[in-house]
């Protein structure tokens, strides 16, 4: 049963899809729901397993990858390249302009926090990269950390 929060997220997700000429199909919505209901990022194969259990329907991993690609371009979903896992954007219902995401990833428990990076920081990175004769392709930053709980237990 969807929570009140998820209903608002799905409503906003449908609007984002419409605004971008994309249809939020039932399967895409269900994949987004799997990610929304997860407390940690998931691989495509983990999504396939949870989807099968939750919706009593099998999805091919390649279909899930295609759905995740579409959802990431909007961006309703983020891909953690360092982990090869996905998580729902934590700012879907926000009305403000989204900053470039920075992901703090706990190496012990896998918990992830999404934080926006200030534009000035990204501009400084771009300048530094340009000075090294490189071009920035993806400004998303993934930082390996310990969450408060895991740091306290060490």
Protein backbone atom coordinates (compact mmCIF):
# COMPACT_ATOMS: atom_id res chain seq x y z
CA UNK A 1 0.00 0.00 0.00
CA UNK A 2 1.54 3.34 -1.04
CA UNK A 3 2.17 5.86 1.71
CA UNK A 4 0.85 9.44 1.53
CA UNK A 5 4.42 10.54 0.82
CA UNK A 6 4.74 8.06 -2.08
CA UNK A 7 1.43 9.27 -3.57
CA UNK A 8 2.83 12.83 -3.69
CA UNK A 9 6.09 11.52 -5.18
CA UNK A 10 4.28 9.52 -7.89
CA UNK A 11 2.08 12.53 -8.73
CA UNK A 12 5.18 14.71 -9.14
CA UNK A 13 6.99 11.93 -11.05
CA UNK A 14 4.08 11.70 -13.51
CA UNK A 15 4.22 15.48 -14.00
CA UNK A 16 8.01 15.37 -14.59
CA UNK A 17 7.53 12.58 -17.13
CA UNK A 18 4.72 14.45 -18.94
CA UNK A 19 6.83 17.64 -19.02
CA UNK A 20 9.62 15.64 -20.68
CA UNK A 21 7.42 13.76 -23.14
CA UNK A 22 7.88 10.44 -21.35
CA UNK A 23 5.15 8.15 -20.08
CA UNK A 24 5.41 6.86 -16.51
CA UNK A 25 4.18 3.36 -17.34
CA UNK A 26 2.94 1.06 -14.61
CA UNK A 27 6.16 -0.97 -14.70
CA UNK A 28 8.36 2.16 -14.51
CA UNK A 29 6.22 3.40 -11.63
CA UNK A 30 6.60 0.05 -9.87
CA UNK A 31 10.39 0.08 -10.35
CA UNK A 32 10.49 3.60 -8.90
CA UNK A 33 8.33 2.30 -6.03
CA UNK A 34 10.81 -0.51 -5.33
CA UNK A 35 13.56 2.10 -5.00
CA UNK A 36 11.42 4.43 -2.89
CA UNK A 37 10.63 1.60 -0.48
CA UNK A 38 14.26 0.51 -0.14
CA UNK A 39 16.46 1.77 2.67
CA UNK A 40 19.58 1.29 0.52
CA UNK A 41 20.61 1.53 -3.14
CA UNK A 42 19.79 -1.53 -5.25
CA UNK A 43 21.35 -3.23 -8.25
CA UNK A 44 19.16 -3.97 -11.26
CA UNK A 45 19.17 -7.64 -10.28
CA UNK A 46 18.05 -6.83 -6.74
CA UNK A 47 15.23 -4.74 -8.24
CA UNK A 48 14.24 -7.71 -10.43
CA UNK A 49 14.04 -9.97 -7.34
CA UNK A 50 12.07 -7.48 -5.24
CA UNK A 51 9.76 -6.68 -8.17
CA UNK A 52 9.01 -10.39 -8.68
CA UNK A 53 8.14 -10.82 -4.99
CA UNK A 54 6.19 -7.56 -4.64
CA UNK A 55 4.28 -7.58 -7.94
CA UNK A 56 4.18 -11.34 -8.70
CA UNK A 57 5.59 -10.58 -12.14
CA UNK A 58 8.97 -11.28 -13.67
CA UNK A 59 10.95 -8.53 -15.37
CA UNK A 60 14.02 -9.15 -17.50
CA UNK A 61 17.13 -7.43 -16.14
CA UNK A 62 17.64 -5.65 -19.50
CA UNK A 63 14.13 -4.20 -19.22
CA UNK A 64 14.94 -2.93 -15.73
CA UNK A 65 18.18 -1.35 -17.02
CA UNK A 66 16.21 0.43 -19.79
CA UNK A 67 13.64 1.68 -17.28
CA UNK A 68 16.39 2.87 -14.93
CA UNK A 69 18.08 4.71 -17.82
CA UNK A 70 14.85 6.55 -18.61
CA UNK A 71 14.14 7.35 -14.94
CA UNK A 72 17.74 8.56 -14.42
CA UNK A 73 17.57 10.98 -17.33
CA UNK A 74 14.56 12.79 -15.83
CA UNK A 75 16.15 12.55 -12.99
CA UNK A 76 13.83 10.52 -10.80
CA UNK A 77 16.53 7.95 -10.08
CA UNK A 78 20.28 8.29 -9.54
CA UNK A 79 22.93 5.74 -10.45
CA UNK A 80 25.82 5.29 -8.06
CA UNK A 81 28.59 4.45 -10.51
CA UNK A 82 31.01 3.35 -7.79
CA UNK A 83 28.49 0.80 -6.52
CA UNK A 84 26.64 0.05 -9.79
CA UNK A 85 23.42 0.56 -7.84
CA UNK A 86 20.42 2.85 -8.07
CA UNK A 87 18.36 4.93 -5.66
CA UNK A 88 15.34 7.16 -5.98
CA UNK A 89 16.09 10.88 -6.04
CA UNK A 90 15.40 12.31 -2.59
CA UNK A 91 14.24 15.63 -4.11
CA UNK A 92 11.46 14.51 -6.50
CA UNK A 93 8.77 16.64 -4.86
CA UNK A 94 10.98 19.70 -4.26
CA UNK A 95 10.02 22.83 -6.16
CA UNK A 96 13.51 24.38 -6.09
CA UNK A 97 16.10 23.94 -8.84
CA UNK A 98 18.15 20.87 -8.08
CA UNK A 99 21.83 21.18 -7.38
CA UNK A 100 24.37 18.67 -8.63
CA UNK A 101 24.09 15.61 -6.36
CA UNK A 102 26.78 14.49 -3.97
CA UNK A 103 26.32 11.05 -2.46
CA UNK A 104 27.79 10.14 0.91
CA UNK A 105 28.03 6.34 0.95
CA UNK A 106 28.65 4.41 4.18
CA UNK A 107 31.14 1.67 3.36
CA UNK A 108 29.99 -0.40 6.34
CA UNK A 109 26.18 -0.48 6.14
CA UNK A 110 25.54 0.90 2.63
CA UNK A 111 23.38 3.82 3.79
CA UNK A 112 23.44 6.76 1.36
CA UNK A 113 22.73 10.44 1.92
CA UNK A 114 22.08 12.71 -1.07
CA UNK A 115 23.27 16.30 -0.69
CA UNK A 116 23.36 19.12 -3.22
CA UNK A 117 26.69 20.66 -4.19
CA UNK A 118 26.88 24.44 -4.35
CA UNK A 119 27.27 25.87 -7.84
CA UNK A 120 30.48 27.65 -6.82
CA UNK A 121 32.09 24.30 -5.94
CA UNK A 122 31.14 22.79 -9.31
CA UNK A 123 32.45 25.87 -11.12
CA UNK A 124 35.77 25.59 -9.24
CA UNK A 125 35.98 21.90 -10.21
CA UNK A 126 35.24 22.74 -13.85
CA UNK A 127 37.97 25.40 -13.85
CA UNK A 128 40.47 22.99 -12.31
CA UNK A 129 39.57 20.29 -14.82
CA UNK A 130 39.80 22.71 -17.74
CA UNK A 131 43.25 23.85 -16.56
CA UNK A 132 44.35 20.19 -16.70
CA UNK A 133 43.12 20.04 -20.34
CA UNK A 134 40.20 17.75 -19.51
CA UNK A 135 36.46 18.16 -19.93
CA UNK A 136 33.95 17.35 -17.20
CA UNK A 137 31.48 14.66 -18.28
CA UNK A 138 29.60 14.00 -15.03
CA UNK A 139 29.74 16.30 -12.00
CA UNK A 140 28.00 13.85 -9.66
CA UNK A 141 30.27 13.12 -6.70
CA UNK A 142 30.30 9.89 -4.69
CA UNK A 143 32.21 9.97 -1.42
CA UNK A 144 33.00 6.87 0.64
CA UNK A 145 32.24 7.59 4.31
CA UNK A 146 31.06 6.08 7.56
CA UNK A 147 27.60 7.04 8.77
CA UNK A 148 27.19 8.27 12.33
CA UNK A 149 25.98 4.86 13.61
CA UNK A 150 28.81 2.88 12.00
CA UNK A 151 31.43 5.41 13.09
CA UNK A 152 30.15 5.17 16.68
CA UNK A 153 30.43 1.36 16.67
CA UNK A 154 34.09 1.43 15.54
